[in-house]
Amino acid sequence: SMSDLLPYIEDKKAYEEMLSILDVPAN
């Protein structure tokens, strides 16, 4: 899941903002 990928993302804040803007629930 997108939330499973979070530990591998370097810029976690930008990643979470991106999901919010694009209306994509992480799970």
PDB file of all heavy atoms in Angstrom:
ATOM      1  N   SER A   1       0.838  -1.193   0.000  1.00  0.00           N
ATOM      2  CA  SER A   1       0.000   0.000   0.000  1.00  0.00           C
ATOM      3  C   SER A   1       0.871   1.241   0.000  1.00  0.00           C
ATOM      4  O   SER A   1       2.078   1.185   0.285  1.00  0.00           O
ATOM      5  CB  SER A   1      -0.916   0.011   1.226  1.00  0.00           C
ATOM      6  OG  SER A   1      -0.160   0.261   2.399  1.00  0.00           O
ATOM      7  N   MET A   2       0.244   2.374  -0.292  1.00  0.00           N
ATOM      8  CA  MET A   2       0.996   3.624  -0.294  1.00  0.00           C
ATOM      9  C   MET A   2       1.581   3.913   1.087  1.00  0.00           C
ATOM     10  O   MET A   2       2.666   4.471   1.213  1.00  0.00           O
ATOM     11  CB  MET A   2       0.093   4.776  -0.748  1.00  0.00           C
ATOM     12  CG  MET A   2      -0.579   4.550  -2.103  1.00  0.00           C
ATOM     13  SD  MET A   2       0.587   4.185  -3.431  1.00  0.00           S
ATOM     14  CE  MET A   2       1.269   5.806  -3.732  1.00  0.00           C
ATOM     15  N   SER A   3       0.868   3.504   2.137  1.00  0.00           N
ATOM     16  CA  SER A   3       1.402   3.700   3.487  1.00  0.00           C
ATOM     17  C   SER A   3       2.568   2.752   3.756  1.00  0.00           C
ATOM     18  O   SER A   3       3.510   3.095   4.488  1.00  0.00           O
ATOM     19  CB  SER A   3       0.300   3.506   4.532  1.00  0.00           C
ATOM     20  OG  SER A   3      -0.317   2.250   4.396  1.00  0.00           O
ATOM     21  N   ASP A   4       2.547   1.532   3.166  1.00  0.00           N
ATOM     22  CA  ASP A   4       3.670   0.604   3.299  1.00  0.00           C
ATOM     23  C   ASP A   4       4.947   1.182   2.686  1.00  0.00           C
ATOM     24  O   ASP A   4       6.060   0.880   3.134  1.00  0.00           O
ATOM     25  CB  ASP A   4       3.358  -0.721   2.593  1.00  0.00           C
ATOM     26  CG  ASP A   4       2.274  -1.519   3.283  1.00  0.00           C
ATOM     27  OD1 ASP A   4       2.073  -1.324   4.494  1.00  0.00           O
ATOM     28  OD2 ASP A   4       1.610  -2.330   2.602  1.00  0.00           O
ATOM     29  N   LEU A   5       4.765   2.018   1.664  1.00  0.00           N
ATOM     30  CA  LEU A   5       5.920   2.577   0.955  1.00  0.00           C
ATOM     31  C   LEU A   5       6.575   3.730   1.709  1.00  0.00           C
ATOM     32  O   LEU A   5       7.719   4.083   1.436  1.00  0.00           O
ATOM     33  CB  LEU A   5       5.499   3.066  -0.432  1.00  0.00           C
ATOM     34  CG  LEU A   5       4.873   2.039  -1.371  1.00  0.00           C
ATOM     35  CD1 LEU A   5       4.502   2.692  -2.695  1.00  0.00           C
ATOM     36  CD2 LEU A   5       5.810   0.873  -1.608  1.00  0.00           C
ATOM     37  N   LEU A   6       5.839   4.300   2.657  1.00  0.00           N
ATOM     38  CA  LEU A   6       6.289   5.514   3.323  1.00  0.00           C
ATOM     39  C   LEU A   6       7.700   5.404   3.924  1.00  0.00           C
ATOM     40  O   LEU A   6       8.494   6.345   3.808  1.00  0.00           O
ATOM     41  CB  LEU A   6       5.279   5.929   4.394  1.00  0.00           C
ATOM     42  CG  LEU A   6       5.489   7.291   5.052  1.00  0.00           C
ATOM     43  CD1 LEU A   6       5.492   8.403   4.005  1.00  0.00           C
ATOM     44  CD2 LEU A   6       4.417   7.543   6.110  1.00  0.00           C
ATOM     45  N   PRO A   7       8.070   4.274   4.575  1.00  0.00           N
ATOM     46  CA  PRO A   7       9.425   4.195   5.149  1.00  0.00           C
ATOM     47  C   PRO A   7      10.545   4.340   4.120  1.00  0.00           C
ATOM     48  O   PRO A   7      11.669   4.689   4.485  1.00  0.00           O
ATOM     49  CB  PRO A   7       9.447   2.795   5.788  1.00  0.00           C
ATOM     50  CG  PRO A   7       8.018   2.481   6.060  1.00  0.00           C
ATOM     51  CD  PRO A   7       7.262   3.096   4.931  1.00  0.00           C
ATOM     52  N   TYR A   8      10.248   4.076   2.853  1.00  0.00           N
ATOM     53  CA  TYR A   8      11.275   4.140   1.818  1.00  0.00           C
ATOM     54  C   TYR A   8      11.326   5.503   1.130  1.00  0.00           C
ATOM     55  O   TYR A   8      12.184   5.727   0.289  1.00  0.00           O
ATOM     56  CB  TYR A   8      11.019   3.059   0.759  1.00  0.00           C
ATOM     57  CG  TYR A   8      11.082   1.660   1.323  1.00  0.00           C
ATOM     58  CD1 TYR A   8       9.915   1.014   1.748  1.00  0.00           C
ATOM     59  CD2 TYR A   8      12.289   0.995   1.453  1.00  0.00           C
ATOM     60  CE1 TYR A   8       9.965  -0.271   2.278  1.00  0.00           C
ATOM     61  CE2 TYR A   8      12.350  -0.286   1.984  1.00  0.00           C
ATOM     62  CZ  TYR A   8      11.183  -0.908   2.394  1.00  0.00           C
ATOM     63  OH  TYR A   8      11.233  -2.167   2.919  1.00  0.00           O
ATOM     64  N   ILE A   9      10.402   6.379   1.494  1.00  0.00           N
ATOM     65  CA  ILE A   9      10.330   7.696   0.865  1.00  0.00           C
ATOM     66  C   ILE A   9      11.227   8.668   1.620  1.00  0.00           C
ATOM     67  O   ILE A   9      11.130   8.809   2.840  1.00  0.00           O
ATOM     68  CB  ILE A   9       8.882   8.216   0.856  1.00  0.00           C
ATOM     69  CG1 ILE A   9       7.949   7.202   0.187  1.00  0.00           C
ATOM     70  CG2 ILE A   9       8.806   9.565   0.162  1.00  0.00           C
ATOM     71  CD1 ILE A   9       8.306   6.889  -1.238  1.00  0.00           C
ATOM     72  N   GLU A  10      12.108   9.344   0.891  1.00  0.00           N
ATOM     73  CA  GLU A  10      13.050  10.262   1.534  1.00  0.00           C
ATOM     74  C   GLU A  10      12.346  11.513   2.051  1.00  0.00           C
ATOM     75  O   GLU A  10      12.538  11.918   3.198  1.00  0.00           O
ATOM     76  CB  GLU A  10      14.151  10.630   0.536  1.00  0.00           C
ATOM     77  CG  GLU A  10      15.035   9.446   0.159  1.00  0.00           C
ATOM     78  CD  GLU A  10      16.003   9.787  -0.944  1.00  0.00           C
ATOM     79  OE1 GLU A  10      16.003  10.958  -1.389  1.00  0.00           O
ATOM     80  OE2 GLU A  10      16.758   8.903  -1.384  1.00  0.00           O
ATOM     81  N   ASP A  11      11.530  12.135   1.225  1.00  0.00           N
ATOM     82  CA  ASP A  11      10.821  13.351   1.617  1.00  0.00           C
ATOM     83  C   ASP A  11       9.389  12.975   1.995  1.00  0.00           C
ATOM     84  O   ASP A  11       8.458  13.081   1.204  1.00  0.00           O
ATOM     85  CB  ASP A  11      10.837  14.364   0.472  1.00  0.00           C
ATOM     86  CG  ASP A  11      10.326  15.738   0.908  1.00  0.00           C
ATOM     87  OD1 ASP A  11       9.700  15.823   1.985  1.00  0.00           O
ATOM     88  OD2 ASP A  11      10.543  16.709   0.161  1.00  0.00           O
ATOM     89  N   LYS A  12       9.211  12.523   3.243  1.00  0.00           N
ATOM     90  CA  LYS A  12       7.918  12.011   3.671  1.00  0.00           C
ATOM     91  C   LYS A  12       6.847  13.098   3.722  1.00  0.00           C
ATOM     92  O   LYS A  12       5.686  12.863   3.400  1.00  0.00           O
ATOM     93  CB  LYS A  12       8.061  11.339   5.044  1.00  0.00           C
ATOM     94  CG  LYS A  12       8.903  10.068   5.006  1.00  0.00           C
ATOM     95  CD  LYS A  12       9.045   9.463   6.379  1.00  0.00           C
ATOM     96  CE  LYS A  12       9.730   8.110   6.341  1.00  0.00           C
ATOM     97  NZ  LYS A  12      11.044   8.135   5.666  1.00  0.00           N
ATOM     98  N   LYS A  13       7.222  14.290   4.116  1.00  0.00           N
ATOM     99  CA  LYS A  13       6.247  15.379   4.193  1.00  0.00           C
ATOM    100  C   LYS A  13       5.694  15.703   2.811  1.00  0.00           C
ATOM    101  O   LYS A  13       4.478  15.840   2.630  1.00  0.00           O
ATOM    102  CB  LYS A  13       6.894  16.620   4.802  1.00  0.00           C
ATOM    103  CG  LYS A  13       5.926  17.792   4.943  1.00  0.00           C
ATOM    104  CD  LYS A  13       6.606  19.003   5.578  1.00  0.00           C
ATOM    105  CE  LYS A  13       5.629  20.173   5.701  1.00  0.00           C
ATOM    106  NZ  LYS A  13       6.287  21.369   6.280  1.00  0.00           N
ATOM    107  N   ALA A  14       6.577  15.806   1.832  1.00  0.00           N
ATOM    108  CA  ALA A  14       6.139  16.114   0.470  1.00  0.00           C
ATOM    109  C   ALA A  14       5.260  14.988  -0.081  1.00  0.00           C
ATOM    110  O   ALA A  14       4.280  15.233  -0.786  1.00  0.00           O
ATOM    111  CB  ALA A  14       7.343  16.341  -0.432  1.00  0.00           C
ATOM    112  N   TYR A  15       5.610  13.760   0.260  1.00  0.00           N
ATOM    113  CA  TYR A  15       4.843  12.598  -0.196  1.00  0.00           C
ATOM    114  C   TYR A  15       3.427  12.630   0.361  1.00  0.00           C
ATOM    115  O   TYR A  15       2.442  12.430  -0.367  1.00  0.00           O
ATOM    116  CB  TYR A  15       5.572  11.335   0.247  1.00  0.00           C
ATOM    117  CG  TYR A  15       4.900  10.030  -0.105  1.00  0.00           C
ATOM    118  CD1 TYR A  15       4.860   9.565  -1.403  1.00  0.00           C
ATOM    119  CD2 TYR A  15       4.335   9.237   0.892  1.00  0.00           C
ATOM    120  CE1 TYR A  15       4.263   8.348  -1.717  1.00  0.00           C
ATOM    121  CE2 TYR A  15       3.744   8.027   0.600  1.00  0.00           C
ATOM    122  CZ  TYR A  15       3.709   7.585  -0.712  1.00  0.00           C
ATOM    123  OH  TYR A  15       3.120   6.392  -1.003  1.00  0.00           O
ATOM    124  N   GLU A  16       3.293  12.919   1.660  1.00  0.00           N
ATOM    125  CA  GLU A  16       1.973  12.972   2.282  1.00  0.00           C
ATOM    126  C   GLU A  16       1.156  14.139   1.731  1.00  0.00           C
ATOM    127  O   GLU A  16      -0.063  14.026   1.538  1.00  0.00           O
ATOM    128  CB  GLU A  16       2.128  13.077   3.798  1.00  0.00           C
ATOM    129  CG  GLU A  16       2.672  11.789   4.418  1.00  0.00           C
ATOM    130  CD  GLU A  16       3.027  11.941   5.875  1.00  0.00           C
ATOM    131  OE1 GLU A  16       3.215  13.103   6.326  1.00  0.00           O
ATOM    132  OE2 GLU A  16       3.121  10.916   6.578  1.00  0.00           O
ATOM    133  N   GLU A  17       1.820  15.254   1.465  1.00  0.00           N
ATOM    134  CA  GLU A  17       1.120  16.393   0.870  1.00  0.00           C
ATOM    135  C   GLU A  17       0.612  16.045  -0.527  1.00  0.00           C
ATOM    136  O   GLU A  17      -0.492  16.427  -0.912  1.00  0.00           O
ATOM    137  CB  GLU A  17       2.048  17.603   0.797  1.00  0.00           C
ATOM    138  CG  GLU A  17       2.339  18.239   2.152  1.00  0.00           C
ATOM    139  CD  GLU A  17       3.335  19.381   2.050  1.00  0.00           C
ATOM    140  OE1 GLU A  17       3.905  19.575   0.944  1.00  0.00           O
ATOM    141  OE2 GLU A  17       3.571  20.062   3.071  1.00  0.00           O
ATOM    142  N   MET A  18       1.423  15.307  -1.259  1.00  0.00           N
ATOM    143  CA  MET A  18       1.046  14.895  -2.606  1.00  0.00           C
ATOM    144  C   MET A  18      -0.205  14.016  -2.579  1.00  0.00           C
ATOM    145  O   MET A  18      -1.147  14.213  -3.350  1.00  0.00           O
ATOM    146  CB  MET A  18       2.201  14.139  -3.253  1.00  0.00           C
ATOM    147  CG  MET A  18       1.918  13.557  -4.623  1.00  0.00           C
ATOM    148  SD  MET A  18       3.331  12.610  -5.194  1.00  0.00           S
ATOM    149  CE  MET A  18       3.362  11.278  -3.979  1.00  0.00           C
ATOM    150  N   LEU A  19      -0.241  13.058  -1.667  1.00  0.00           N
ATOM    151  CA  LEU A  19      -1.412  12.179  -1.553  1.00  0.00           C
ATOM    152  C   LEU A  19      -2.653  12.975  -1.182  1.00  0.00           C
ATOM    153  O   LEU A  19      -3.746  12.711  -1.671  1.00  0.00           O
ATOM    154  CB  LEU A  19      -1.152  11.095  -0.506  1.00  0.00           C
ATOM    155  CG  LEU A  19      -0.070  10.062  -0.830  1.00  0.00           C
ATOM    156  CD1 LEU A  19       0.076   9.087   0.325  1.00  0.00           C
ATOM    157  CD2 LEU A  19      -0.408   9.318  -2.112  1.00  0.00           C
ATOM    158  N   SER A  20      -2.485  13.963  -0.321  1.00  0.00           N
ATOM    159  CA  SER A  20      -3.614  14.791   0.089  1.00  0.00           C
ATOM    160  C   SER A  20      -4.150  15.609  -1.080  1.00  0.00           C
ATOM    161  O   SER A  20      -5.359  15.671  -1.321  1.00  0.00           O
ATOM    162  CB  SER A  20      -3.186  15.720   1.227  1.00  0.00           C
ATOM    163  OG  SER A  20      -4.218  16.608   1.561  1.00  0.00           O
ATOM    164  N   ILE A  21      -3.252  16.226  -1.828  1.00  0.00           N
ATOM    165  CA  ILE A  21      -3.660  17.054  -2.968  1.00  0.00           C
ATOM    166  C   ILE A  21      -4.358  16.222  -4.029  1.00  0.00           C
ATOM    167  O   ILE A  21      -5.364  16.632  -4.618  1.00  0.00           O
ATOM    168  CB  ILE A  21      -2.432  17.764  -3.570  1.00  0.00           C
ATOM    169  CG1 ILE A  21      -1.897  18.805  -2.590  1.00  0.00           C
ATOM    170  CG2 ILE A  21      -2.787  18.433  -4.899  1.00  0.00           C
ATOM    171  CD1 ILE A  21      -0.563  19.384  -2.989  1.00  0.00           C
ATOM    172  N   LEU A  22      -3.836  15.020  -4.261  1.00  0.00           N
ATOM    173  CA  LEU A  22      -4.369  14.179  -5.325  1.00  0.00           C
ATOM    174  C   LEU A  22      -5.553  13.334  -4.883  1.00  0.00           C
ATOM    175  O   LEU A  22      -6.047  12.517  -5.641  1.00  0.00           O
ATOM    176  CB  LEU A  22      -3.263  13.276  -5.866  1.00  0.00           C
ATOM    177  CG  LEU A  22      -2.098  14.009  -6.541  1.00  0.00           C
ATOM    178  CD1 LEU A  22      -1.065  13.019  -7.026  1.00  0.00           C
ATOM    179  CD2 LEU A  22      -2.597  14.865  -7.687  1.00  0.00           C
ATOM    180  N   ASP A  23      -6.013  13.530  -3.644  1.00  0.00           N
ATOM    181  CA  ASP A  23      -7.218  12.846  -3.181  1.00  0.00           C
ATOM    182  C   ASP A  23      -7.040  11.331  -3.215  1.00  0.00           C
ATOM    183  O   ASP A  23      -7.896  10.594  -3.687  1.00  0.00           O
ATOM    184  CB  ASP A  23      -8.412  13.274  -4.038  1.00  0.00           C
ATOM    185  CG  ASP A  23      -9.746  12.791  -3.475  1.00  0.00           C
ATOM    186  OD1 ASP A  23      -9.819  12.580  -2.251  1.00  0.00           O
ATOM    187  OD2 ASP A  23     -10.697  12.615  -4.249  1.00  0.00           O
ATOM    188  N   VAL A  24      -5.902  10.851  -2.723  1.00  0.00           N
ATOM    189  CA  VAL A  24      -5.587   9.428  -2.746  1.00  0.00           C
ATOM    190  C   VAL A  24      -5.357   8.921  -1.324  1.00  0.00           C
ATOM    191  O   VAL A  24      -4.325   9.217  -0.731  1.00  0.00           O
ATOM    192  CB  VAL A  24      -4.330   9.149  -3.596  1.00  0.00           C
ATOM    193  CG1 VAL A  24      -4.032   7.657  -3.608  1.00  0.00           C
ATOM    194  CG2 VAL A  24      -4.512   9.669  -5.004  1.00  0.00           C
ATOM    195  N   PRO A  25      -6.278   8.178  -0.738  1.00  0.00           N
ATOM    196  CA  PRO A  25      -6.049   7.622   0.596  1.00  0.00           C
ATOM    197  C   PRO A  25      -4.870   6.649   0.587  1.00  0.00           C
ATOM    198  O   PRO A  25      -4.773   5.790  -0.289  1.00  0.00           O
ATOM    199  CB  PRO A  25      -7.361   6.886   0.903  1.00  0.00           C
ATOM    200  CG  PRO A  25      -8.368   7.476  -0.037  1.00  0.00           C
ATOM    201  CD  PRO A  25      -7.614   7.853  -1.265  1.00  0.00           C
ATOM    202  N   ALA A  26      -3.991   6.764   1.547  1.00  0.00           N
ATOM    203  CA  ALA A  26      -2.742   6.001   1.543  1.00  0.00           C
ATOM    204  C   ALA A  26      -2.966   4.492   1.632  1.00  0.00           C
ATOM    205  O   ALA A  26      -2.113   3.715   1.215  1.00  0.00           O
ATOM    206  CB  ALA A  26      -1.845   6.460   2.686  1.00  0.00           C
ATOM    207  N   ASN A  27      -4.094   4.057   2.203  1.00  0.00           N
ATOM    208  CA  ASN A  27      -4.336   2.619   2.357  1.00  0.00           C
ATOM    209  C   ASN A  27      -5.243   2.046   1.279  1.00  0.00           C
ATOM    210  O   ASN A  27      -5.465   0.832   1.234  1.00  0.00           O
ATOM    211  CB  ASN A  27      -4.948   2.332   3.731  1.00  0.00           C
ATOM    212  CG  ASN A  27      -3.949   2.549   4.853  1.00  0.00           C
ATOM    213  OD1 ASN A  27      -2.823   2.075   4.771  1.00  0.00           O
ATOM    214  ND2 ASN A  27      -4.351   3.274   5.884  1.00  0.00           N
TER     215      ASN A  27
END
